[in-house]
Amino acid sequence: MDYYCYEVNCEAKDTEALLGLLSGFPFEAFEELESGLKAYLPASMHNSTLQAEVEAIGHILPFELEVTFVKGENWNEVWESNFHPVVVDDFCAVRAGFHPPVTGVAYEIVIDPKMAFGTGHHETTFAVMKMMREVDFRGKKVLDYGCGTGILAILASFLKAAAIDAVDIEEPAYENTLDNCRINGVVNVNAFHGDLGAVPAGKYDIVLANINRNVILGSLASLHARLDQGGLLITSGYLVEDGERMADAFHEHGFSVRQVARNNNWLAVECTRL
């Protein structure tokens, strides 16, 4: 898949606020920089109207914008130049094959991203994995919704989940999940290409969804139906300022919030299905 990179240069004090404003657009990933941030938009969604709407934010907070095209086959180069291993205490680490092994962790996941967004925001990946440390996955059936490169599905397998389904609407992500499961010797992950409807009917003990605010809000009813009573829903991919809105939505759709974790500007929330 091809992307457009929206690079925003601004004062450091304005980065968080701009990130919040840009999260309302259909960007798939953000990268925070010392001088601002980068936001990646699927090329199919890029048009002059959307770019003008982004530029109009400059009337609220001043910034400089540079928009560049990123060809799909160049994604590896972009990803490799920006990605650093994600290390969650002594619990687990996520690294690419070109990184040296990470020592002192119980679990290590090696990924080859190809053309798929997979580590997401390091802050949200970190927060979800940290929550997973406290969850008993043994013998459980798990869904990784919006699996990206399959990181969370692979970790669930390492934590002795009985079976994991993983689904992503992007074909490169689906294919990359299959590849990364092979790299990590994981055989109990079934990957599907499409939305939630592409996953065979069935109930889950645990659902993991590290995507973005709008997708999660639009999927809560379906995720509630897919979870067994008392099952866990762990979500991330939204900002601290969205916390109240997300909490209200969880309550309205039959979930009870058990735990909220913050990592910089990002939230992760663990809920129980009532």
C-alpha atoms as a PDB file:
ATOM      1  CA  MET A   1       0.000   0.000   0.000  1.00  0.00           C
ATOM      2  CA  ASP A   2       1.124   3.545  -0.752  1.00  0.00           C
ATOM      3  CA  TYR A   3       0.962   6.355   1.818  1.00  0.00           C
ATOM      4  CA  TYR A   4       1.265  10.099   2.156  1.00  0.00           C
ATOM      5  CA  CYS A   5       3.391  11.330   5.027  1.00  0.00           C
ATOM      6  CA  TYR A   6       2.175  14.568   6.630  1.00  0.00           C
ATOM      7  CA  GLU A   7       5.177  15.971   8.503  1.00  0.00           C
ATOM      8  CA  VAL A   8       4.171  18.679  10.963  1.00  0.00           C
ATOM      9  CA  ASN A   9       6.844  20.973  12.401  1.00  0.00           C
ATOM     10  CA  CYS A  10       5.724  22.939  15.445  1.00  0.00           C
ATOM     11  CA  GLU A  11       6.779  24.156  18.871  1.00  0.00           C
ATOM     12  CA  ALA A  12       7.255  21.325  21.351  1.00  0.00           C
ATOM     13  CA  LYS A  13       4.508  22.653  23.621  1.00  0.00           C
ATOM     14  CA  ASP A  14       1.973  22.325  20.774  1.00  0.00           C
ATOM     15  CA  THR A  15       2.747  18.738  19.720  1.00  0.00           C
ATOM     16  CA  GLU A  16       0.249  17.046  22.027  1.00  0.00           C
ATOM     17  CA  ALA A  17      -2.579  19.381  21.065  1.00  0.00           C
ATOM     18  CA  LEU A  18      -1.858  18.946  17.343  1.00  0.00           C
ATOM     19  CA  LEU A  19      -1.776  15.197  17.770  1.00  0.00           C
ATOM     20  CA  GLY A  20      -5.242  15.382  19.282  1.00  0.00           C
ATOM     21  CA  LEU A  21      -6.550  17.479  16.395  1.00  0.00           C
ATOM     22  CA  LEU A  22      -5.006  15.223  13.753  1.00  0.00           C
ATOM     23  CA  SER A  23      -6.416  12.077  15.366  1.00  0.00           C
ATOM     24  CA  GLY A  24      -9.790  13.085  13.962  1.00  0.00           C
ATOM     25  CA  PHE A  25      -8.475  12.431  10.442  1.00  0.00           C
ATOM     26  CA  PRO A  26      -8.049   8.941   8.909  1.00  0.00           C
ATOM     27  CA  PHE A  27      -4.302   8.682   9.566  1.00  0.00           C
ATOM     28  CA  GLU A  28      -3.166   5.115  10.241  1.00  0.00           C
ATOM     29  CA  ALA A  29      -0.075   5.871  12.308  1.00  0.00           C
ATOM     30  CA  PHE A  30       1.683   8.719  14.063  1.00  0.00           C
ATOM     31  CA  GLU A  31       5.322   9.220  14.902  1.00  0.00           C
ATOM     32  CA  GLU A  32       6.303  11.882  17.404  1.00  0.00           C
ATOM     33  CA  LEU A  33       9.479  13.850  16.622  1.00  0.00           C
ATOM     34  CA  GLU A  34      11.489  16.412  18.532  1.00  0.00           C
ATOM     35  CA  SER A  35      10.309  19.016  16.034  1.00  0.00           C
ATOM     36  CA  GLY A  36       6.679  17.864  15.814  1.00  0.00           C
ATOM     37  CA  LEU A  37       5.249  14.681  14.341  1.00  0.00           C
ATOM     38  CA  LYS A  38       4.623  12.604  11.233  1.00  0.00           C
ATOM     39  CA  ALA A  39       1.204  11.226  10.314  1.00  0.00           C
ATOM     40  CA  TYR A  40       0.762   8.500   7.706  1.00  0.00           C
ATOM     41  CA  LEU A  41      -2.328   8.504   5.484  1.00  0.00           C
ATOM     42  CA  PRO A  42      -3.295   5.745   3.003  1.00  0.00           C
ATOM     43  CA  ALA A  43      -2.823   7.171  -0.482  1.00  0.00           C
ATOM     44  CA  SER A  44      -6.413   6.301  -1.405  1.00  0.00           C
ATOM     45  CA  MET A  45      -7.666   8.739   1.238  1.00  0.00           C
ATOM     46  CA  HIS A  46      -5.433  11.648   0.257  1.00  0.00           C
ATOM     47  CA  ASN A  47      -7.064  14.535  -1.584  1.00  0.00           C
ATOM     48  CA  SER A  48      -6.837  18.309  -1.766  1.00  0.00           C
ATOM     49  CA  THR A  49      -9.866  18.774   0.491  1.00  0.00           C
ATOM     50  CA  LEU A  50      -8.419  16.700   3.310  1.00  0.00           C
ATOM     51  CA  GLN A  51      -5.046  18.408   3.015  1.00  0.00           C
ATOM     52  CA  ALA A  52      -6.749  21.807   3.134  1.00  0.00           C
ATOM     53  CA  GLU A  53      -8.618  20.766   6.285  1.00  0.00           C
ATOM     54  CA  VAL A  54      -5.334  19.742   7.914  1.00  0.00           C
ATOM     55  CA  GLU A  55      -3.736  23.020   6.877  1.00  0.00           C
ATOM     56  CA  ALA A  56      -6.691  24.921   8.356  1.00  0.00           C
ATOM     57  CA  ILE A  57      -5.688  23.658  11.798  1.00  0.00           C
ATOM     58  CA  GLY A  58      -2.856  26.168  11.487  1.00  0.00           C
ATOM     59  CA  HIS A  59      -5.372  28.873  12.329  1.00  0.00           C
ATOM     60  CA  ILE A  60      -5.733  27.228  15.762  1.00  0.00           C
ATOM     61  CA  LEU A  61      -2.101  26.258  16.349  1.00  0.00           C
ATOM     62  CA  PRO A  62       0.669  27.441  14.018  1.00  0.00           C
ATOM     63  CA  PHE A  63       2.771  24.791  12.273  1.00  0.00           C
ATOM     64  CA  GLU A  64       4.629  24.063   9.050  1.00  0.00           C
ATOM     65  CA  LEU A  65       3.412  21.163   6.921  1.00  0.00           C
ATOM     66  CA  GLU A  66       5.266  19.079   4.376  1.00  0.00           C
ATOM     67  CA  VAL A  67       3.388  16.324   2.528  1.00  0.00           C
ATOM     68  CA  THR A  68       5.372  13.603   0.751  1.00  0.00           C
ATOM     69  CA  PHE A  69       4.385  10.431  -1.087  1.00  0.00           C
ATOM     70  CA  VAL A  70       5.704   7.126   0.275  1.00  0.00           C
ATOM     71  CA  LYS A  71       5.596   4.276  -2.245  1.00  0.00           C
ATOM     72  CA  GLY A  72       4.629   0.919  -0.792  1.00  0.00           C
ATOM     73  CA  GLU A  73       7.871  -0.794  -1.686  1.00  0.00           C
ATOM     74  CA  ASN A  74       9.788   1.931   0.160  1.00  0.00           C
ATOM     75  CA  TRP A  75       7.905   1.353   3.415  1.00  0.00           C
ATOM     76  CA  ASN A  76      10.613  -0.919   4.819  1.00  0.00           C
ATOM     77  CA  GLU A  77      13.191   1.844   4.466  1.00  0.00           C
ATOM     78  CA  VAL A  78      10.909   4.362   6.188  1.00  0.00           C
ATOM     79  CA  TRP A  79      10.040   1.920   8.962  1.00  0.00           C
ATOM     80  CA  GLU A  80      13.604   0.804   9.593  1.00  0.00           C
ATOM     81  CA  SER A  81      14.811   4.390   9.867  1.00  0.00           C
ATOM     82  CA  ASN A  82      12.267   5.158  12.603  1.00  0.00           C
ATOM     83  CA  PHE A  83      11.712   1.951  14.548  1.00  0.00           C
ATOM     84  CA  HIS A  84      13.512   1.065  17.739  1.00  0.00           C
ATOM     85  CA  PRO A  85      12.874  -2.068  19.810  1.00  0.00           C
ATOM     86  CA  VAL A  86       9.918  -1.910  22.187  1.00  0.00           C
ATOM     87  CA  VAL A  87      10.947  -3.292  25.582  1.00  0.00           C
ATOM     88  CA  VAL A  88       8.414  -3.827  28.380  1.00  0.00           C
ATOM     89  CA  ASP A  89      10.462  -4.090  31.569  1.00  0.00           C
ATOM     90  CA  ASP A  90      11.739  -7.661  31.970  1.00  0.00           C
ATOM     91  CA  PHE A  91       8.554  -9.060  30.427  1.00  0.00           C
ATOM     92  CA  CYS A  92       8.926  -8.861  26.654  1.00  0.00           C
ATOM     93  CA  ALA A  93      10.562  -7.095  23.755  1.00  0.00           C
ATOM     94  CA  VAL A  94       9.649  -6.504  20.121  1.00  0.00           C
ATOM     95  CA  ARG A  95      12.466  -6.046  17.646  1.00  0.00           C
ATOM     96  CA  ALA A  96      13.137  -6.365  13.953  1.00  0.00           C
ATOM     97  CA  GLY A  97      15.472  -8.952  12.504  1.00  0.00           C
ATOM     98  CA  PHE A  98      18.137  -6.303  11.902  1.00  0.00           C
ATOM     99  CA  HIS A  99      18.291  -5.482  15.641  1.00  0.00           C
ATOM    100  CA  PRO A 100      20.524  -7.486  17.988  1.00  0.00           C
ATOM    101  CA  PRO A 101      18.720  -9.807  20.441  1.00  0.00           C
ATOM    102  CA  VAL A 102      17.280  -8.163  23.553  1.00  0.00           C
ATOM    103  CA  THR A 103      18.511  -9.809  26.724  1.00  0.00           C
ATOM    104  CA  GLY A 104      16.874  -9.950  30.135  1.00  0.00           C
ATOM    105  CA  VAL A 105      13.271 -10.415  28.985  1.00  0.00           C
ATOM    106  CA  ALA A 106      10.999 -13.424  29.308  1.00  0.00           C
ATOM    107  CA  TYR A 107       9.652 -13.165  25.759  1.00  0.00           C
ATOM    108  CA  GLU A 108      11.137 -11.754  22.584  1.00  0.00           C
ATOM    109  CA  ILE A 109       9.142 -11.160  19.393  1.00  0.00           C
ATOM    110  CA  VAL A 110      10.964 -10.679  16.090  1.00  0.00           C
ATOM    111  CA  ILE A 111       9.016  -8.994  13.300  1.00  0.00           C
ATOM    112  CA  ASP A 112       9.627  -8.250   9.624  1.00  0.00           C
ATOM    113  CA  PRO A 113       7.196  -5.421   8.824  1.00  0.00           C
ATOM    114  CA  LYS A 114       7.322  -5.444   4.997  1.00  0.00           C
ATOM    115  CA  MET A 115       4.560  -3.039   3.902  1.00  0.00           C
ATOM    116  CA  ALA A 116       2.348  -3.336   6.984  1.00  0.00           C
ATOM    117  CA  PHE A 117       2.005  -0.908   9.861  1.00  0.00           C
ATOM    118  CA  GLY A 118       2.668  -3.167  12.781  1.00  0.00           C
ATOM    119  CA  THR A 119       4.273  -1.625  15.799  1.00  0.00           C
ATOM    120  CA  GLY A 120       1.651   1.106  15.806  1.00  0.00           C
ATOM    121  CA  HIS A 121       2.486   3.809  18.301  1.00  0.00           C
ATOM    122  CA  HIS A 122       5.215   2.439  20.523  1.00  0.00           C
ATOM    123  CA  GLU A 123       3.351   3.908  23.495  1.00  0.00           C
ATOM    124  CA  THR A 124       0.178   1.927  22.793  1.00  0.00           C
ATOM    125  CA  THR A 125       2.011  -1.291  21.964  1.00  0.00           C
ATOM    126  CA  PHE A 126       3.919  -0.960  25.222  1.00  0.00           C
ATOM    127  CA  ALA A 127       0.744  -0.248  27.226  1.00  0.00           C
ATOM    128  CA  VAL A 128      -1.209  -3.197  25.828  1.00  0.00           C
ATOM    129  CA  MET A 129       1.658  -5.639  26.305  1.00  0.00           C
ATOM    130  CA  LYS A 130       2.101  -4.430  29.867  1.00  0.00           C
ATOM    131  CA  MET A 131      -1.590  -5.108  30.542  1.00  0.00           C
ATOM    132  CA  MET A 132      -1.248  -8.542  28.965  1.00  0.00           C
ATOM    133  CA  ARG A 133       1.406  -9.398  31.543  1.00  0.00           C
ATOM    134  CA  GLU A 134      -1.251  -9.392  34.277  1.00  0.00           C
ATOM    135  CA  VAL A 135      -3.799 -11.479  32.332  1.00  0.00           C
ATOM    136  CA  ASP A 136      -4.080 -15.274  32.471  1.00  0.00           C
ATOM    137  CA  PHE A 137      -4.084 -16.368  28.822  1.00  0.00           C
ATOM    138  CA  ARG A 138      -3.623 -20.071  29.529  1.00  0.00           C
ATOM    139  CA  GLY A 139      -6.142 -22.127  27.595  1.00  0.00           C
ATOM    140  CA  LYS A 140      -8.049 -19.016  26.433  1.00  0.00           C
ATOM    141  CA  LYS A 141      -9.466 -18.205  23.013  1.00  0.00           C
ATOM    142  CA  VAL A 142      -8.238 -14.800  21.864  1.00  0.00           C
ATOM    143  CA  LEU A 143      -9.019 -12.332  19.080  1.00  0.00           C
ATOM    144  CA  ASP A 144      -6.421  -9.793  17.892  1.00  0.00           C
ATOM    145  CA  TYR A 145      -8.611  -7.231  16.128  1.00  0.00           C
ATOM    146  CA  GLY A 146      -6.594  -5.030  13.777  1.00  0.00           C
ATOM    147  CA  CYS A 147      -3.553  -7.252  14.122  1.00  0.00           C
ATOM    148  CA  GLY A 148      -1.061  -5.231  12.053  1.00  0.00           C
ATOM    149  CA  THR A 149       2.089  -7.354  12.089  1.00  0.00           C
ATOM    150  CA  GLY A 150       0.631  -9.804  14.621  1.00  0.00           C
ATOM    151  CA  ILE A 151       2.620  -8.698  17.662  1.00  0.00           C
ATOM    152  CA  LEU A 152      -0.197  -9.101  20.186  1.00  0.00           C
ATOM    153  CA  ALA A 153      -1.373 -12.396  18.695  1.00  0.00           C
ATOM    154  CA  ILE A 154       2.161 -13.783  18.927  1.00  0.00           C
ATOM    155  CA  LEU A 155       2.535 -12.629  22.530  1.00  0.00           C
ATOM    156  CA  ALA A 156      -0.817 -14.227  23.405  1.00  0.00           C
ATOM    157  CA  SER A 157       0.504 -17.490  21.976  1.00  0.00           C
ATOM    158  CA  PHE A 158       3.681 -17.193  24.036  1.00  0.00           C
ATOM    159  CA  LEU A 159       1.428 -16.704  27.097  1.00  0.00           C
ATOM    160  CA  LYS A 160      -0.184 -20.101  26.406  1.00  0.00           C
ATOM    161  CA  ALA A 161      -3.468 -19.036  24.807  1.00  0.00           C
ATOM    162  CA  ALA A 162      -5.164 -22.086  23.305  1.00  0.00           C
ATOM    163  CA  ALA A 163      -6.135 -20.468  19.996  1.00  0.00           C
ATOM    164  CA  ILE A 164      -5.837 -16.984  18.541  1.00  0.00           C
ATOM    165  CA  ASP A 165      -7.697 -15.430  15.632  1.00  0.00           C
ATOM    166  CA  ALA A 166      -6.123 -12.330  14.090  1.00  0.00           C
ATOM    167  CA  VAL A 167      -7.756 -10.053  11.537  1.00  0.00           C
ATOM    168  CA  ASP A 168      -6.794  -6.915   9.647  1.00  0.00           C
ATOM    169  CA  ILE A 169      -8.506  -5.004   6.867  1.00  0.00           C
ATOM    170  CA  GLU A 170      -5.177  -4.418   5.101  1.00  0.00           C
ATOM    171  CA  GLU A 171      -3.895  -7.337   3.025  1.00  0.00           C
ATOM    172  CA  PRO A 172      -0.193  -6.570   3.711  1.00  0.00           C
ATOM    173  CA  ALA A 173      -0.944  -6.752   7.450  1.00  0.00           C
ATOM    174  CA  TYR A 174      -2.698 -10.097   7.056  1.00  0.00           C
ATOM    175  CA  GLU A 175       0.195 -11.503   5.036  1.00  0.00           C
ATOM    176  CA  ASN A 176       2.745 -10.047   7.438  1.00  0.00           C
ATOM    177  CA  THR A 177       1.019 -11.631  10.424  1.00  0.00           C
ATOM    178  CA  LEU A 178       1.353 -15.024   8.753  1.00  0.00           C
ATOM    179  CA  ASP A 179       5.052 -14.390   8.061  1.00  0.00           C
ATOM    180  CA  ASN A 180       5.793 -13.174  11.573  1.00  0.00           C
ATOM    181  CA  CYS A 181       4.054 -16.152  13.140  1.00  0.00           C
ATOM    182  CA  ARG A 182       6.378 -18.384  11.113  1.00  0.00           C
ATOM    183  CA  ILE A 183       9.414 -16.332  12.163  1.00  0.00           C
ATOM    184  CA  ASN A 184       8.468 -16.774  15.833  1.00  0.00           C
ATOM    185  CA  GLY A 185       7.476 -20.427  15.583  1.00  0.00           C
ATOM    186  CA  VAL A 186       3.819 -19.727  16.404  1.00  0.00           C
ATOM    187  CA  VAL A 187       1.350 -22.268  15.002  1.00  0.00           C
ATOM    188  CA  ASN A 188      -1.920 -21.528  16.827  1.00  0.00           C
ATOM    189  CA  VAL A 189      -2.766 -18.175  15.194  1.00  0.00           C
ATOM    190  CA  ASN A 190      -5.408 -18.148  12.448  1.00  0.00           C
ATOM    191  CA  ALA A 191      -5.162 -14.945  10.401  1.00  0.00           C
ATOM    192  CA  PHE A 192      -7.962 -13.433   8.319  1.00  0.00           C
ATOM    193  CA  HIS A 193      -8.058 -10.597   5.790  1.00  0.00           C
ATOM    194  CA  GLY A 194     -10.993  -8.227   6.170  1.00  0.00           C
ATOM    195  CA  ASP A 195     -13.100  -6.627   8.862  1.00  0.00           C
ATOM    196  CA  LEU A 196     -14.601  -8.401  11.864  1.00  0.00           C
ATOM    197  CA  GLY A 197     -17.092 -10.110   9.571  1.00  0.00           C
ATOM    198  CA  ALA A 198     -14.235 -12.063   7.983  1.00  0.00           C
ATOM    199  CA  VAL A 199     -13.683 -13.947  11.261  1.00  0.00           C
ATOM    200  CA  PRO A 200     -15.797 -17.101  11.640  1.00  0.00           C
ATOM    201  CA  ALA A 201     -18.636 -16.869  14.163  1.00  0.00           C
ATOM    202  CA  GLY A 202     -17.636 -17.722  17.686  1.00  0.00           C
ATOM    203  CA  LYS A 203     -17.018 -16.380  21.173  1.00  0.00           C
ATOM    204  CA  TYR A 204     -13.754 -15.265  22.743  1.00  0.00           C
ATOM    205  CA  ASP A 205     -12.390 -15.068  26.267  1.00  0.00           C
ATOM    206  CA  ILE A 206     -10.135 -12.103  25.423  1.00  0.00           C
ATOM    207  CA  VAL A 207     -10.185  -9.484  22.647  1.00  0.00           C
ATOM    208  CA  LEU A 208      -7.157  -7.256  21.958  1.00  0.00           C
ATOM    209  CA  ALA A 209      -7.713  -4.126  19.841  1.00  0.00           C
ATOM    210  CA  ASN A 210      -4.805  -1.737  19.396  1.00  0.00           C
ATOM    211  CA  ILE A 211      -6.202   0.285  16.490  1.00  0.00           C
ATOM    212  CA  ASN A 212      -7.620   3.798  16.758  1.00  0.00           C
ATOM    213  CA  ARG A 213     -10.481   5.609  18.436  1.00  0.00           C
ATOM    214  CA  ASN A 214     -12.944   5.649  15.554  1.00  0.00           C
ATOM    215  CA  VAL A 215     -12.577   1.979  14.629  1.00  0.00           C
ATOM    216  CA  ILE A 216     -12.958   0.893  18.243  1.00  0.00           C
ATOM    217  CA  LEU A 217     -16.009   3.097  18.816  1.00  0.00           C
ATOM    218  CA  GLY A 218     -17.630   1.705  15.692  1.00  0.00           C
ATOM    219  CA  SER A 219     -16.921  -1.899  16.700  1.00  0.00           C
ATOM    220  CA  LEU A 220     -17.931  -2.018  20.359  1.00  0.00           C
ATOM    221  CA  ALA A 221     -21.336  -3.576  19.744  1.00  0.00           C
ATOM    222  CA  SER A 222     -19.814  -6.315  17.591  1.00  0.00           C
ATOM    223  CA  LEU A 223     -16.971  -6.927  20.031  1.00  0.00           C
ATOM    224  CA  HIS A 224     -19.453  -7.210  22.903  1.00  0.00           C
ATOM    225  CA  ALA A 225     -21.317  -9.878  20.942  1.00  0.00           C
ATOM    226  CA  ARG A 226     -18.088 -11.770  20.293  1.00  0.00           C
ATOM    227  CA  LEU A 227     -16.994 -11.891  23.935  1.00  0.00           C
ATOM    228  CA  ASP A 228     -18.172 -14.405  26.497  1.00  0.00           C
ATOM    229  CA  GLN A 229     -19.754 -12.916  29.602  1.00  0.00           C
ATOM    230  CA  GLY A 230     -16.943 -11.878  31.920  1.00  0.00           C
ATOM    231  CA  GLY A 231     -14.498 -11.810  29.014  1.00  0.00           C
ATOM    232  CA  LEU A 232     -11.807  -9.153  28.721  1.00  0.00           C
ATOM    233  CA  LEU A 233     -11.514  -6.378  26.155  1.00  0.00           C
ATOM    234  CA  ILE A 234      -8.155  -4.573  26.049  1.00  0.00           C
ATOM    235  CA  THR A 235      -8.024  -1.559  23.743  1.00  0.00           C
ATOM    236  CA  SER A 236      -5.608   1.219  22.869  1.00  0.00           C
ATOM    237  CA  GLY A 237      -4.810   3.631  20.064  1.00  0.00           C
ATOM    238  CA  TYR A 238      -6.507   6.769  21.386  1.00  0.00           C
ATOM    239  CA  LEU A 239      -5.386   9.854  23.246  1.00  0.00           C
ATOM    240  CA  VAL A 240      -5.720  10.843  26.881  1.00  0.00           C
ATOM    241  CA  GLU A 241      -8.218  13.532  25.914  1.00  0.00           C
ATOM    242  CA  ASP A 242     -10.490  10.795  24.485  1.00  0.00           C
ATOM    243  CA  GLY A 243     -10.615   8.980  27.823  1.00  0.00           C
ATOM    244  CA  GLU A 244     -13.983  10.250  29.003  1.00  0.00           C
ATOM    245  CA  ARG A 245     -15.600   9.641  25.631  1.00  0.00           C
ATOM    246  CA  MET A 246     -14.233   6.102  25.494  1.00  0.00           C
ATOM    247  CA  ALA A 247     -15.318   5.349  29.069  1.00  0.00           C
ATOM    248  CA  ASP A 248     -18.866   6.463  28.264  1.00  0.00           C
ATOM    249  CA  ALA A 249     -18.902   4.321  25.126  1.00  0.00           C
ATOM    250  CA  PHE A 250     -17.670   1.240  26.985  1.00  0.00           C
ATOM    251  CA  HIS A 251     -20.426   1.684  29.565  1.00  0.00           C
ATOM    252  CA  GLU A 252     -23.106   2.205  26.922  1.00  0.00           C
ATOM    253  CA  HIS A 253     -22.121  -0.997  25.131  1.00  0.00           C
ATOM    254  CA  GLY A 254     -22.142  -3.252  28.182  1.00  0.00           C
ATOM    255  CA  PHE A 255     -18.563  -3.124  29.417  1.00  0.00           C
ATOM    256  CA  SER A 256     -17.180  -2.338  32.857  1.00  0.00           C
ATOM    257  CA  VAL A 257     -13.832  -0.536  32.923  1.00  0.00           C
ATOM    258  CA  ARG A 258     -11.347  -2.388  35.120  1.00  0.00           C
ATOM    259  CA  GLN A 259      -8.076  -0.623  34.465  1.00  0.00           C
ATOM    260  CA  VAL A 260      -6.782   2.442  32.643  1.00  0.00           C
ATOM    261  CA  ALA A 261      -3.097   2.932  31.829  1.00  0.00           C
ATOM    262  CA  ARG A 262      -1.417   6.008  30.383  1.00  0.00           C
ATOM    263  CA  ASN A 263       1.788   6.032  28.393  1.00  0.00           C
ATOM    264  CA  ASN A 264       2.718   9.596  27.457  1.00  0.00           C
ATOM    265  CA  ASN A 265      -0.284  10.929  25.481  1.00  0.00           C
ATOM    266  CA  TRP A 266      -1.869   7.535  24.858  1.00  0.00           C
ATOM    267  CA  LEU A 267      -4.362   5.442  26.813  1.00  0.00           C
ATOM    268  CA  ALA A 268      -4.957   1.717  27.132  1.00  0.00           C
ATOM    269  CA  VAL A 269      -8.131   0.443  28.789  1.00  0.00           C
ATOM    270  CA  GLU A 270      -9.063  -3.009  30.080  1.00  0.00           C
ATOM    271  CA  CYS A 271     -12.779  -3.783  30.312  1.00  0.00           C
ATOM    272  CA  THR A 272     -14.951  -6.705  31.357  1.00  0.00           C
ATOM    273  CA  ARG A 273     -17.951  -7.728  29.278  1.00  0.00           C
ATOM    274  CA  LEU A 274     -21.059  -7.629  31.475  1.00  0.00           C
END
